[in-house]
Amino acid sequence: MLEGDEQALNSFKSIECQIMDWADDIAYSIHDVSDGIQAGFVTVKSIRNWQDGKDEDYTGNDDSVLNALCEAILKDKHNSHLNRLIGDFIHGTSIKQRAENPLSRKTNRYGYELVVDEEMHKLCKLMKKLSIAVVFRTPQIHQTEYKGRNILKRLFEVFDEEYVRLGKPRYQLLPAHYAEAIAAADDKRWKRRIVCDYISGMTDGFVVRTYRRLFDPQFGSITDLV
């Protein structure tokens, strides 16, 4: 099989993967706006400001869509309004059988594709652009991202100092099996890769608790150790 054919096959997505991708798009376009409303980022004023300043009409009828959202916010009916949009996104899809291809001969998972109405794609894009502009580009969100980056950076620096730079750690900061894996690694790059793997497996809450135990003088009583 030619390399181009292999790439084409690798680009094929199963029907459940296509559904998952569309569900993610819906979540990003609707739930981010909903969360933004609850947090006070998405307001009638912020929507109007963005509406007046944007230079593209994503749906061909943006003003009507945004006006309806503003009206729902003013009437405190934005939850039901956004839920109806989710319904529109769902009903704006269908499934059709694909043309013959090598994968569809092996399993029906690749024999069908999800078809999303073009109008729904455009509406999804509009809602994404709205959330990006009035939620994710705000100083508050960027400050939170900056804080999160620095928390992870400081954790890495501590673990790197103890387990990579010193070679023999002075404190038992990592679980024993991670410490053993780091000690067994021959190259510092692999040692740091293991440290990164450990940090990447931490939940948000675990990251915060670990950071506070290391750096917060007010945190660390027996009840804080779990």
N, C-alpha and C. Protein backbone atom coordinates (compact mmCIF):
# COMPACT_ATOMS: atom_id res chain seq x y z
N MET A 1 0.84 -1.20 0.00
CA MET A 1 0.00 0.00 0.00
C MET A 1 0.87 1.24 0.00
N LEU A 2 0.49 2.23 -0.76
CA LEU A 2 1.26 3.44 -0.86
C LEU A 2 1.17 4.26 0.42
N GLU A 3 2.20 5.09 0.65
CA GLU A 3 2.22 5.90 1.86
C GLU A 3 1.00 6.81 1.94
N GLY A 4 0.61 7.39 0.80
CA GLY A 4 -0.56 8.27 0.78
C GLY A 4 -1.83 7.54 1.15
N ASP A 5 -1.93 6.27 0.70
CA ASP A 5 -3.10 5.46 1.05
C ASP A 5 -3.14 5.18 2.54
N GLU A 6 -1.95 4.92 3.13
CA GLU A 6 -1.88 4.67 4.57
C GLU A 6 -2.33 5.90 5.35
N GLN A 7 -1.88 7.07 4.90
CA GLN A 7 -2.29 8.30 5.58
C GLN A 7 -3.79 8.50 5.48
N ALA A 8 -4.34 8.18 4.32
CA ALA A 8 -5.79 8.33 4.15
C ALA A 8 -6.56 7.42 5.09
N LEU A 9 -6.07 6.17 5.23
CA LEU A 9 -6.73 5.24 6.14
C LEU A 9 -6.60 5.69 7.59
N ASN A 10 -5.43 6.22 7.94
CA ASN A 10 -5.21 6.69 9.31
C ASN A 10 -6.11 7.87 9.65
N SER A 11 -6.54 8.60 8.64
CA SER A 11 -7.40 9.77 8.89
C SER A 11 -8.85 9.37 9.10
N PHE A 12 -9.20 8.12 8.81
CA PHE A 12 -10.57 7.65 8.99
C PHE A 12 -10.88 7.57 10.48
N LYS A 13 -12.08 8.03 10.85
CA LYS A 13 -12.52 7.94 12.23
C LYS A 13 -13.74 7.03 12.30
N SER A 14 -13.79 6.24 13.36
CA SER A 14 -14.95 5.39 13.58
C SER A 14 -16.16 6.26 13.89
N ILE A 15 -17.34 5.68 13.78
CA ILE A 15 -18.55 6.46 13.98
C ILE A 15 -18.64 6.98 15.41
N GLU A 16 -18.19 6.17 16.40
CA GLU A 16 -18.25 6.65 17.77
C GLU A 16 -17.26 7.78 18.02
N CYS A 17 -16.13 7.75 17.30
CA CYS A 17 -15.15 8.83 17.43
C CYS A 17 -15.70 10.12 16.83
N GLN A 18 -16.40 10.01 15.71
CA GLN A 18 -17.01 11.20 15.10
C GLN A 18 -18.07 11.81 16.02
N ILE A 19 -18.86 10.96 16.64
CA ILE A 19 -19.89 11.44 17.57
C ILE A 19 -19.23 12.13 18.76
N MET A 20 -18.15 11.53 19.27
CA MET A 20 -17.44 12.12 20.40
C MET A 20 -16.87 13.50 20.03
N ASP A 21 -16.31 13.61 18.82
CA ASP A 21 -15.76 14.89 18.38
C ASP A 21 -16.84 15.97 18.30
N TRP A 22 -17.99 15.60 17.79
CA TRP A 22 -19.08 16.57 17.68
C TRP A 22 -19.61 16.93 19.07
N ALA A 23 -19.67 15.94 19.96
CA ALA A 23 -20.09 16.22 21.34
C ALA A 23 -19.11 17.18 22.02
N ASP A 24 -17.81 17.02 21.75
CA ASP A 24 -16.81 17.95 22.29
C ASP A 24 -17.03 19.35 21.75
N ASP A 25 -17.31 19.45 20.46
CA ASP A 25 -17.56 20.76 19.86
C ASP A 25 -18.77 21.43 20.52
N ILE A 26 -19.81 20.65 20.77
CA ILE A 26 -21.00 21.19 21.42
C ILE A 26 -20.64 21.68 22.83
N ALA A 27 -19.87 20.86 23.54
CA ALA A 27 -19.50 21.22 24.91
C ALA A 27 -18.70 22.52 24.93
N TYR A 28 -17.73 22.62 24.02
CA TYR A 28 -16.90 23.83 24.00
C TYR A 28 -17.70 25.06 23.59
N SER A 29 -18.66 24.88 22.71
CA SER A 29 -19.39 26.04 22.20
C SER A 29 -20.53 26.47 23.11
N ILE A 30 -21.14 25.54 23.82
CA ILE A 30 -22.30 25.86 24.65
C ILE A 30 -21.94 25.93 26.13
N HIS A 31 -21.28 24.91 26.64
CA HIS A 31 -21.02 24.87 28.09
C HIS A 31 -20.03 25.94 28.51
N ASP A 32 -19.09 26.29 27.64
CA ASP A 32 -18.17 27.37 27.99
C ASP A 32 -18.91 28.70 28.10
N VAL A 33 -19.88 28.91 27.22
CA VAL A 33 -20.70 30.12 27.31
C VAL A 33 -21.54 30.09 28.58
N SER A 34 -22.13 28.93 28.88
CA SER A 34 -22.94 28.80 30.08
C SER A 34 -22.10 29.06 31.34
N ASP A 35 -20.91 28.46 31.39
CA ASP A 35 -20.03 28.69 32.54
C ASP A 35 -19.62 30.15 32.62
N GLY A 36 -19.40 30.76 31.45
CA GLY A 36 -19.03 32.18 31.42
C GLY A 36 -20.13 33.08 31.94
N ILE A 37 -21.38 32.71 31.67
CA ILE A 37 -22.51 33.48 32.20
C ILE A 37 -22.55 33.35 33.72
N GLN A 38 -22.40 32.12 34.21
CA GLN A 38 -22.42 31.90 35.66
C GLN A 38 -21.29 32.64 36.36
N ALA A 39 -20.14 32.73 35.70
CA ALA A 39 -18.98 33.39 36.31
C ALA A 39 -18.99 34.89 36.13
N GLY A 40 -19.93 35.41 35.33
CA GLY A 40 -20.03 36.84 35.13
C GLY A 40 -19.18 37.39 34.00
N PHE A 41 -18.55 36.51 33.21
CA PHE A 41 -17.76 36.98 32.06
C PHE A 41 -18.66 37.28 30.86
N VAL A 42 -19.61 36.38 30.63
CA VAL A 42 -20.52 36.56 29.50
C VAL A 42 -21.74 37.32 30.00
N THR A 43 -21.81 38.58 29.67
CA THR A 43 -22.93 39.45 30.04
C THR A 43 -23.49 40.07 28.77
N VAL A 44 -24.64 40.72 28.92
CA VAL A 44 -25.21 41.41 27.76
C VAL A 44 -24.22 42.45 27.24
N LYS A 45 -23.56 43.16 28.16
CA LYS A 45 -22.61 44.19 27.75
C LYS A 45 -21.42 43.59 27.01
N SER A 46 -20.86 42.49 27.53
CA SER A 46 -19.69 41.90 26.87
C SER A 46 -20.06 41.31 25.52
N ILE A 47 -21.27 40.76 25.42
CA ILE A 47 -21.72 40.23 24.13
C ILE A 47 -21.89 41.37 23.13
N ARG A 48 -22.52 42.47 23.57
CA ARG A 48 -22.74 43.61 22.67
C ARG A 48 -21.41 44.21 22.21
N ASN A 49 -20.47 44.32 23.13
CA ASN A 49 -19.17 44.88 22.76
C ASN A 49 -18.49 44.03 21.70
N TRP A 50 -18.54 42.70 21.90
CA TRP A 50 -17.93 41.81 20.91
C TRP A 50 -18.71 41.83 19.60
N GLN A 51 -20.02 41.87 19.72
CA GLN A 51 -20.89 41.90 18.54
C GLN A 51 -20.60 43.13 17.69
N ASP A 52 -20.39 44.27 18.32
CA ASP A 52 -20.14 45.51 17.58
C ASP A 52 -18.75 45.55 16.98
N GLY A 53 -17.81 44.83 17.59
CA GLY A 53 -16.43 44.93 17.14
C GLY A 53 -15.97 43.85 16.19
N LYS A 54 -16.69 42.73 16.10
CA LYS A 54 -16.22 41.64 15.26
C LYS A 54 -16.41 41.98 13.79
N ASP A 55 -15.53 41.43 12.95
CA ASP A 55 -15.54 41.79 11.54
C ASP A 55 -15.97 40.64 10.64
N GLU A 56 -16.60 39.62 11.22
CA GLU A 56 -17.05 38.49 10.41
C GLU A 56 -18.42 38.04 10.88
N ASP A 57 -19.27 37.68 9.93
CA ASP A 57 -20.59 37.14 10.23
C ASP A 57 -20.51 35.63 10.04
N TYR A 58 -20.40 34.89 11.15
CA TYR A 58 -20.09 33.46 11.08
C TYR A 58 -21.26 32.63 10.59
N THR A 59 -22.48 33.04 10.91
CA THR A 59 -23.64 32.24 10.53
C THR A 59 -24.43 32.85 9.38
N GLY A 60 -24.15 34.11 9.07
CA GLY A 60 -24.99 34.84 8.12
C GLY A 60 -26.16 35.49 8.82
N ASN A 61 -26.30 35.20 10.12
CA ASN A 61 -27.41 35.76 10.91
C ASN A 61 -26.96 35.93 12.36
N ASP A 62 -25.72 36.36 12.55
CA ASP A 62 -25.15 36.45 13.90
C ASP A 62 -25.95 37.34 14.82
N ASP A 63 -26.38 38.48 14.32
CA ASP A 63 -27.09 39.44 15.17
C ASP A 63 -28.33 38.82 15.79
N SER A 64 -29.07 38.06 15.00
CA SER A 64 -30.29 37.42 15.51
C SER A 64 -29.95 36.41 16.61
N VAL A 65 -28.89 35.62 16.40
CA VAL A 65 -28.49 34.61 17.38
C VAL A 65 -28.04 35.28 18.68
N LEU A 66 -27.22 36.30 18.57
CA LEU A 66 -26.70 36.97 19.76
C LEU A 66 -27.77 37.79 20.47
N ASN A 67 -28.67 38.38 19.70
CA ASN A 67 -29.79 39.11 20.31
C ASN A 67 -30.65 38.17 21.15
N ALA A 68 -30.90 36.97 20.62
CA ALA A 68 -31.71 35.99 21.35
C ALA A 68 -31.01 35.56 22.64
N LEU A 69 -29.69 35.42 22.58
CA LEU A 69 -28.94 35.05 23.78
C LEU A 69 -28.99 36.16 24.82
N CYS A 70 -28.84 37.39 24.38
CA CYS A 70 -28.92 38.53 25.30
C CYS A 70 -30.30 38.61 25.96
N GLU A 71 -31.33 38.40 25.18
CA GLU A 71 -32.69 38.44 25.72
C GLU A 71 -32.88 37.34 26.77
N ALA A 72 -32.33 36.15 26.49
CA ALA A 72 -32.44 35.04 27.44
C ALA A 72 -31.70 35.36 28.74
N ILE A 73 -30.55 36.02 28.64
CA ILE A 73 -29.80 36.40 29.83
C ILE A 73 -30.59 37.43 30.65
N LEU A 74 -31.16 38.42 29.99
CA LEU A 74 -31.93 39.46 30.68
C LEU A 74 -33.14 38.88 31.40
N LYS A 75 -33.73 37.83 30.84
CA LYS A 75 -34.91 37.20 31.43
C LYS A 75 -34.53 36.05 32.37
N ASP A 76 -33.21 35.85 32.57
CA ASP A 76 -32.71 34.76 33.39
C ASP A 76 -33.22 33.41 32.89
N LYS A 77 -33.25 33.27 31.58
CA LYS A 77 -33.68 32.02 30.96
C LYS A 77 -32.58 31.45 30.06
N HIS A 78 -31.33 31.81 30.37
CA HIS A 78 -30.23 31.40 29.49
C HIS A 78 -30.01 29.88 29.53
N ASN A 79 -30.29 29.24 30.68
CA ASN A 79 -30.08 27.78 30.74
C ASN A 79 -30.99 27.05 29.76
N SER A 80 -32.26 27.39 29.78
CA SER A 80 -33.19 26.73 28.85
C SER A 80 -32.88 27.11 27.41
N HIS A 81 -32.45 28.34 27.20
CA HIS A 81 -32.09 28.78 25.84
C HIS A 81 -30.90 27.97 25.31
N LEU A 82 -29.87 27.82 26.12
CA LEU A 82 -28.69 27.07 25.68
C LEU A 82 -29.00 25.58 25.55
N ASN A 83 -29.89 25.07 26.40
CA ASN A 83 -30.29 23.66 26.26
C ASN A 83 -30.99 23.42 24.94
N ARG A 84 -31.79 24.39 24.51
CA ARG A 84 -32.45 24.25 23.21
C ARG A 84 -31.42 24.25 22.07
N LEU A 85 -30.37 25.04 22.23
CA LEU A 85 -29.32 25.04 21.22
C LEU A 85 -28.63 23.68 21.16
N ILE A 86 -28.42 23.07 22.31
CA ILE A 86 -27.84 21.72 22.33
C ILE A 86 -28.74 20.76 21.56
N GLY A 87 -30.05 20.89 21.78
CA GLY A 87 -31.00 20.06 21.03
C GLY A 87 -30.90 20.31 19.54
N ASP A 88 -30.74 21.56 19.15
CA ASP A 88 -30.58 21.89 17.72
C ASP A 88 -29.34 21.23 17.15
N PHE A 89 -28.25 21.26 17.92
CA PHE A 89 -27.01 20.64 17.46
C PHE A 89 -27.18 19.13 17.27
N ILE A 90 -27.91 18.51 18.18
CA ILE A 90 -28.11 17.07 18.10
C ILE A 90 -29.01 16.72 16.91
N HIS A 91 -30.11 17.46 16.78
CA HIS A 91 -31.05 17.15 15.69
C HIS A 91 -30.49 17.57 14.33
N GLY A 92 -29.45 18.39 14.34
CA GLY A 92 -28.85 18.80 13.07
C GLY A 92 -27.81 17.82 12.57
N THR A 93 -27.92 16.58 12.97
CA THR A 93 -26.98 15.55 12.54
C THR A 93 -27.73 14.37 11.95
N SER A 94 -27.04 13.62 11.14
CA SER A 94 -27.57 12.38 10.58
C SER A 94 -26.40 11.44 10.32
N ILE A 95 -26.71 10.21 10.07
CA ILE A 95 -25.68 9.21 9.78
C ILE A 95 -25.92 8.64 8.39
N LYS A 96 -24.87 8.57 7.62
CA LYS A 96 -25.00 7.99 6.28
C LYS A 96 -23.90 6.96 6.07
N GLN A 97 -24.19 6.04 5.17
CA GLN A 97 -23.23 4.99 4.87
C GLN A 97 -22.13 5.55 3.96
N ARG A 98 -20.91 5.19 4.29
CA ARG A 98 -19.78 5.64 3.48
C ARG A 98 -19.68 4.82 2.20
N ALA A 99 -18.99 5.41 1.24
CA ALA A 99 -18.66 4.65 0.05
C ALA A 99 -17.70 3.53 0.44
N GLU A 100 -17.59 2.54 -0.42
CA GLU A 100 -16.75 1.39 -0.12
C GLU A 100 -15.31 1.82 0.17
N ASN A 101 -14.76 1.29 1.25
CA ASN A 101 -13.35 1.53 1.58
C ASN A 101 -12.83 0.32 2.33
N PRO A 102 -11.50 0.12 2.37
CA PRO A 102 -10.94 -1.09 2.99
C PRO A 102 -11.37 -1.29 4.44
N LEU A 103 -11.50 -0.20 5.19
CA LEU A 103 -11.86 -0.34 6.59
C LEU A 103 -13.32 -0.73 6.77
N SER A 104 -14.20 -0.19 5.93
CA SER A 104 -15.62 -0.50 6.08
C SER A 104 -15.91 -1.96 5.75
N ARG A 105 -15.01 -2.62 5.00
CA ARG A 105 -15.20 -4.04 4.73
C ARG A 105 -14.88 -4.89 5.95
N LYS A 106 -14.12 -4.33 6.88
CA LYS A 106 -13.71 -5.08 8.06
C LYS A 106 -14.67 -4.89 9.24
N THR A 107 -15.26 -3.70 9.37
CA THR A 107 -16.14 -3.43 10.51
C THR A 107 -17.07 -2.28 10.17
N ASN A 108 -18.29 -2.36 10.70
CA ASN A 108 -19.26 -1.29 10.46
C ASN A 108 -18.91 0.00 11.19
N ARG A 109 -17.97 -0.07 12.13
CA ARG A 109 -17.54 1.14 12.84
C ARG A 109 -17.02 2.18 11.86
N TYR A 110 -16.47 1.72 10.75
CA TYR A 110 -15.91 2.64 9.75
C TYR A 110 -16.78 2.71 8.50
N GLY A 111 -17.91 2.05 8.54
CA GLY A 111 -18.79 2.03 7.38
C GLY A 111 -19.76 3.19 7.33
N TYR A 112 -19.80 4.00 8.39
CA TYR A 112 -20.76 5.10 8.44
C TYR A 112 -20.06 6.39 8.86
N GLU A 113 -20.64 7.49 8.50
CA GLU A 113 -20.09 8.78 8.91
C GLU A 113 -21.19 9.68 9.44
N LEU A 114 -20.79 10.54 10.36
CA LEU A 114 -21.71 11.50 10.95
C LEU A 114 -21.75 12.74 10.07
N VAL A 115 -22.93 13.14 9.68
CA VAL A 115 -23.10 14.32 8.84
C VAL A 115 -23.75 15.42 9.68
N VAL A 116 -23.08 16.54 9.80
CA VAL A 116 -23.58 17.67 10.57
C VAL A 116 -24.00 18.77 9.60
N ASP A 117 -25.23 19.29 9.80
CA ASP A 117 -25.71 20.37 8.93
C ASP A 117 -24.72 21.53 8.94
N GLU A 118 -24.51 22.12 7.80
CA GLU A 118 -23.57 23.23 7.69
C GLU A 118 -23.99 24.40 8.58
N GLU A 119 -25.29 24.62 8.72
CA GLU A 119 -25.76 25.70 9.58
C GLU A 119 -25.37 25.46 11.04
N MET A 120 -25.37 24.18 11.44
CA MET A 120 -24.97 23.86 12.81
C MET A 120 -23.47 24.07 13.01
N HIS A 121 -22.68 23.74 11.99
CA HIS A 121 -21.25 24.01 12.06
C HIS A 121 -20.99 25.52 12.24
N LYS A 122 -21.73 26.32 11.50
CA LYS A 122 -21.56 27.77 11.58
C LYS A 122 -21.98 28.31 12.94
N LEU A 123 -23.09 27.79 13.46
CA LEU A 123 -23.56 28.23 14.78
C LEU A 123 -22.56 27.83 15.87
N CYS A 124 -22.02 26.63 15.74
CA CYS A 124 -21.03 26.16 16.70
C CYS A 124 -19.80 27.06 16.67
N LYS A 125 -19.38 27.45 15.49
CA LYS A 125 -18.22 28.33 15.35
C LYS A 125 -18.49 29.68 16.00
N LEU A 126 -19.68 30.22 15.80
CA LEU A 126 -20.04 31.50 16.40
C LEU A 126 -19.96 31.44 17.92
N MET A 127 -20.52 30.39 18.52
CA MET A 127 -20.52 30.28 19.97
C MET A 127 -19.11 30.07 20.52
N LYS A 128 -18.29 29.34 19.78
CA LYS A 128 -16.88 29.17 20.19
C LYS A 128 -16.15 30.50 20.17
N LYS A 129 -16.35 31.26 19.10
CA LYS A 129 -15.68 32.56 18.97
C LYS A 129 -16.12 33.49 20.10
N LEU A 130 -17.39 33.42 20.46
CA LEU A 130 -17.91 34.24 21.56
C LEU A 130 -17.22 33.88 22.87
N SER A 131 -17.15 32.60 23.18
CA SER A 131 -16.54 32.19 24.45
C SER A 131 -15.05 32.53 24.49
N ILE A 132 -14.36 32.36 23.38
CA ILE A 132 -12.93 32.69 23.33
C ILE A 132 -12.74 34.18 23.59
N ALA A 133 -13.57 34.99 22.96
CA ALA A 133 -13.39 36.45 23.04
C ALA A 133 -13.75 37.01 24.41
N VAL A 134 -14.84 36.55 25.00
CA VAL A 134 -15.32 37.20 26.22
C VAL A 134 -15.01 36.41 27.50
N VAL A 135 -14.50 35.18 27.35
CA VAL A 135 -14.13 34.39 28.53
C VAL A 135 -12.63 34.15 28.56
N PHE A 136 -12.10 33.49 27.54
CA PHE A 136 -10.73 33.00 27.61
C PHE A 136 -9.68 34.06 27.33
N ARG A 137 -10.07 35.20 26.84
CA ARG A 137 -9.10 36.27 26.63
C ARG A 137 -9.17 37.34 27.72
N THR A 138 -9.85 37.04 28.79
CA THR A 138 -9.96 38.00 29.90
C THR A 138 -8.72 37.91 30.79
N PRO A 139 -8.35 39.01 31.44
CA PRO A 139 -7.20 38.98 32.35
C PRO A 139 -7.37 37.94 33.47
N GLN A 140 -8.59 37.75 33.96
CA GLN A 140 -8.80 36.81 35.06
C GLN A 140 -8.40 35.38 34.64
N ILE A 141 -8.80 34.99 33.44
CA ILE A 141 -8.46 33.64 32.97
C ILE A 141 -6.97 33.52 32.73
N HIS A 142 -6.37 34.54 32.13
CA HIS A 142 -4.93 34.49 31.88
C HIS A 142 -4.14 34.49 33.18
N GLN A 143 -4.64 35.20 34.19
CA GLN A 143 -3.98 35.17 35.50
C GLN A 143 -4.03 33.77 36.10
N THR A 144 -5.18 33.11 35.95
CA THR A 144 -5.32 31.75 36.47
C THR A 144 -4.39 30.79 35.73
N GLU A 145 -4.30 30.94 34.40
CA GLU A 145 -3.40 30.10 33.63
C GLU A 145 -1.95 30.33 34.04
N TYR A 146 -1.60 31.60 34.26
CA TYR A 146 -0.24 31.93 34.69
C TYR A 146 0.07 31.27 36.03
N LYS A 147 -0.89 31.35 36.95
CA LYS A 147 -0.70 30.74 38.26
C LYS A 147 -0.52 29.23 38.13
N GLY A 148 -1.37 28.58 37.32
CA GLY A 148 -1.26 27.14 37.15
C GLY A 148 0.07 26.73 36.56
N ARG A 149 0.54 27.48 35.57
CA ARG A 149 1.83 27.17 34.94
C ARG A 149 2.96 27.26 35.96
N ASN A 150 2.91 28.27 36.81
CA ASN A 150 3.98 28.45 37.78
C ASN A 150 3.92 27.43 38.91
N ILE A 151 2.72 26.99 39.26
CA ILE A 151 2.61 25.92 40.25
C ILE A 151 3.28 24.65 39.72
N LEU A 152 2.96 24.28 38.48
CA LEU A 152 3.57 23.08 37.89
C LEU A 152 5.07 23.24 37.72
N LYS A 153 5.50 24.44 37.35
CA LYS A 153 6.93 24.69 37.19
C LYS A 153 7.68 24.52 38.51
N ARG A 154 7.13 25.04 39.59
CA ARG A 154 7.79 24.93 40.89
C ARG A 154 7.83 23.49 41.39
N LEU A 155 6.75 22.75 41.15
CA LEU A 155 6.75 21.34 41.52
C LEU A 155 7.83 20.59 40.76
N PHE A 156 7.92 20.83 39.47
CA PHE A 156 8.95 20.16 38.67
C PHE A 156 10.34 20.52 39.18
N GLU A 157 10.57 21.78 39.49
CA GLU A 157 11.89 22.21 39.95
C GLU A 157 12.28 21.50 41.25
N VAL A 158 11.32 21.34 42.16
CA VAL A 158 11.61 20.66 43.43
C VAL A 158 11.96 19.19 43.18
N PHE A 159 11.12 18.50 42.41
CA PHE A 159 11.37 17.08 42.14
C PHE A 159 12.67 16.89 41.35
N ASP A 160 12.93 17.79 40.41
CA ASP A 160 14.15 17.71 39.61
C ASP A 160 15.39 17.89 40.50
N GLU A 161 15.33 18.83 41.41
CA GLU A 161 16.45 19.08 42.30
C GLU A 161 16.75 17.86 43.16
N GLU A 162 15.69 17.27 43.73
CA GLU A 162 15.88 16.16 44.66
C GLU A 162 16.27 14.86 43.96
N TYR A 163 15.61 14.56 42.84
CA TYR A 163 15.75 13.22 42.25
C TYR A 163 16.67 13.16 41.04
N VAL A 164 16.94 14.31 40.40
CA VAL A 164 17.77 14.30 39.21
C VAL A 164 19.12 14.96 39.47
N ARG A 165 19.07 16.18 39.97
CA ARG A 165 20.32 16.93 40.16
C ARG A 165 21.16 16.35 41.30
N LEU A 166 20.51 16.05 42.43
CA LEU A 166 21.26 15.53 43.57
C LEU A 166 21.64 14.06 43.40
N GLY A 167 20.81 13.34 42.66
CA GLY A 167 21.06 11.92 42.47
C GLY A 167 20.49 11.09 43.60
N LYS A 168 20.80 11.45 44.83
CA LYS A 168 20.25 10.77 45.99
C LYS A 168 19.40 11.75 46.77
N PRO A 169 18.08 11.62 46.70
CA PRO A 169 17.19 12.62 47.31
C PRO A 169 17.34 12.70 48.83
N ARG A 170 17.23 13.89 49.34
CA ARG A 170 17.28 14.10 50.78
C ARG A 170 15.92 13.83 51.44
N TYR A 171 14.84 13.99 50.65
CA TYR A 171 13.49 13.82 51.16
C TYR A 171 12.73 12.85 50.26
N GLN A 172 11.81 12.13 50.85
CA GLN A 172 10.97 11.21 50.07
C GLN A 172 9.74 11.98 49.59
N LEU A 173 9.88 12.65 48.45
CA LEU A 173 8.80 13.49 47.93
C LEU A 173 7.92 12.76 46.93
N LEU A 174 8.44 11.69 46.35
CA LEU A 174 7.69 10.92 45.35
C LEU A 174 7.43 9.52 45.87
N PRO A 175 6.39 8.85 45.36
CA PRO A 175 6.15 7.45 45.73
C PRO A 175 7.39 6.60 45.42
N ALA A 176 7.56 5.54 46.17
CA ALA A 176 8.77 4.73 46.08
C ALA A 176 9.01 4.19 44.67
N HIS A 177 7.94 3.75 43.98
CA HIS A 177 8.16 3.16 42.65
C HIS A 177 8.61 4.19 41.64
N TYR A 178 8.20 5.45 41.81
CA TYR A 178 8.71 6.50 40.93
C TYR A 178 10.17 6.80 41.25
N ALA A 179 10.50 6.84 42.53
CA ALA A 179 11.89 7.08 42.92
C ALA A 179 12.80 5.98 42.39
N GLU A 180 12.33 4.73 42.45
CA GLU A 180 13.13 3.61 41.94
C GLU A 180 13.30 3.70 40.43
N ALA A 181 12.24 4.08 39.73
CA ALA A 181 12.33 4.20 38.27
C ALA A 181 13.30 5.31 37.87
N ILE A 182 13.26 6.42 38.59
CA ILE A 182 14.18 7.52 38.30
C ILE A 182 15.62 7.10 38.57
N ALA A 183 15.84 6.41 39.68
CA ALA A 183 17.19 5.97 40.03
C ALA A 183 17.74 4.98 39.00
N ALA A 184 16.85 4.16 38.42
CA ALA A 184 17.29 3.14 37.46
C ALA A 184 17.54 3.71 36.07
N ALA A 185 17.00 4.89 35.78
CA ALA A 185 17.19 5.49 34.46
C ALA A 185 18.63 5.97 34.30
N ASP A 186 19.21 5.71 33.12
CA ASP A 186 20.62 6.03 32.89
C ASP A 186 20.84 7.48 32.48
N ASP A 187 19.86 8.06 31.85
CA ASP A 187 20.02 9.38 31.25
C ASP A 187 19.16 10.40 32.01
N LYS A 188 19.69 11.59 32.24
CA LYS A 188 18.93 12.62 32.95
C LYS A 188 17.65 13.00 32.21
N ARG A 189 17.69 12.89 30.90
CA ARG A 189 16.48 13.21 30.13
C ARG A 189 15.36 12.23 30.47
N TRP A 190 15.71 10.94 30.62
CA TRP A 190 14.70 9.95 30.98
C TRP A 190 14.25 10.13 32.42
N LYS A 191 15.17 10.52 33.30
CA LYS A 191 14.79 10.79 34.68
C LYS A 191 13.75 11.91 34.73
N ARG A 192 14.01 12.97 33.96
CA ARG A 192 13.07 14.10 33.94
C ARG A 192 11.76 13.73 33.25
N ARG A 193 11.83 12.80 32.30
CA ARG A 193 10.61 12.32 31.66
C ARG A 193 9.72 11.62 32.68
N ILE A 194 10.32 10.86 33.58
CA ILE A 194 9.56 10.16 34.62
C ILE A 194 8.94 11.17 35.58
N VAL A 195 9.70 12.22 35.92
CA VAL A 195 9.15 13.28 36.77
C VAL A 195 7.94 13.92 36.09
N CYS A 196 8.08 14.20 34.80
CA CYS A 196 6.97 14.80 34.05
C CYS A 196 5.77 13.87 34.01
N ASP A 197 6.01 12.57 33.85
CA ASP A 197 4.91 11.60 33.83
C ASP A 197 4.17 11.60 35.17
N TYR A 198 4.93 11.71 36.25
CA TYR A 198 4.29 11.74 37.57
C TYR A 198 3.41 12.98 37.71
N ILE A 199 3.93 14.13 37.34
CA ILE A 199 3.16 15.37 37.46
C ILE A 199 1.94 15.33 36.56
N SER A 200 2.10 14.80 35.36
CA SER A 200 0.96 14.77 34.42
C SER A 200 -0.16 13.87 34.91
N GLY A 201 0.16 12.92 35.79
CA GLY A 201 -0.87 12.03 36.33
C GLY A 201 -1.57 12.57 37.56
N MET A 202 -1.16 13.74 38.05
CA MET A 202 -1.77 14.33 39.23
C MET A 202 -3.08 15.02 38.87
N THR A 203 -4.09 14.86 39.70
CA THR A 203 -5.32 15.62 39.50
C THR A 203 -5.10 17.07 39.92
N ASP A 204 -6.01 17.95 39.53
CA ASP A 204 -5.89 19.36 39.91
C ASP A 204 -5.82 19.52 41.42
N GLY A 205 -6.72 18.82 42.12
CA GLY A 205 -6.74 18.93 43.58
C GLY A 205 -5.46 18.42 44.22
N PHE A 206 -4.92 17.32 43.68
CA PHE A 206 -3.69 16.75 44.21
C PHE A 206 -2.52 17.70 43.98
N VAL A 207 -2.49 18.35 42.81
CA VAL A 207 -1.44 19.33 42.52
C VAL A 207 -1.47 20.46 43.55
N VAL A 208 -2.65 20.98 43.81
CA VAL A 208 -2.78 22.10 44.74
C VAL A 208 -2.36 21.69 46.15
N ARG A 209 -2.82 20.51 46.59
CA ARG A 209 -2.46 20.06 47.94
C ARG A 209 -0.96 19.82 48.07
N THR A 210 -0.35 19.23 47.04
CA THR A 210 1.09 18.99 47.06
C THR A 210 1.85 20.31 47.10
N TYR A 211 1.42 21.25 46.29
CA TYR A 211 2.06 22.57 46.27
C TYR A 211 1.96 23.24 47.63
N ARG A 212 0.80 23.17 48.24
CA ARG A 212 0.61 23.82 49.54
C ARG A 212 1.45 23.14 50.62
N ARG A 213 1.54 21.81 50.58
CA ARG A 213 2.37 21.12 51.57
C ARG A 213 3.83 21.53 51.45
N LEU A 214 4.28 21.81 50.23
CA LEU A 214 5.68 22.17 50.01
C LEU A 214 5.98 23.63 50.31
N PHE A 215 4.99 24.52 50.07
CA PHE A 215 5.31 25.94 50.09
C PHE A 215 4.46 26.79 51.02
N ASP A 216 3.34 26.28 51.48
CA ASP A 216 2.43 27.08 52.30
C ASP A 216 2.68 26.79 53.78
N PRO A 217 3.19 27.73 54.55
CA PRO A 217 3.48 27.50 55.98
C PRO A 217 2.23 27.18 56.79
N GLN A 218 1.06 27.63 56.33
CA GLN A 218 -0.17 27.41 57.07
C GLN A 218 -0.83 26.08 56.74
N PHE A 219 -0.22 25.32 55.85
CA PHE A 219 -0.82 24.06 55.40
C PHE A 219 0.11 22.92 55.78
N GLY A 220 -0.42 21.88 56.40
CA GLY A 220 0.44 20.76 56.72
C GLY A 220 0.14 20.08 58.03
N SER A 221 -1.05 20.36 58.63
CA SER A 221 -1.44 19.62 59.82
C SER A 221 -1.77 18.19 59.42
N ILE A 222 -2.01 17.36 60.40
CA ILE A 222 -2.26 15.93 60.13
C ILE A 222 -3.48 15.75 59.23
N THR A 223 -4.46 16.66 59.32
CA THR A 223 -5.66 16.54 58.49
C THR A 223 -5.40 16.96 57.06
N ASP A 224 -4.26 17.64 56.80
CA ASP A 224 -3.95 18.10 55.45
C ASP A 224 -3.08 17.11 54.69
N LEU A 225 -2.72 16.01 55.32
CA LEU A 225 -1.73 15.12 54.73
C LEU A 225 -2.31 14.12 53.75
N VAL A 226 -3.63 14.05 53.64
CA VAL A 226 -4.24 13.09 52.73
C VAL A 226 -4.46 13.73 51.37
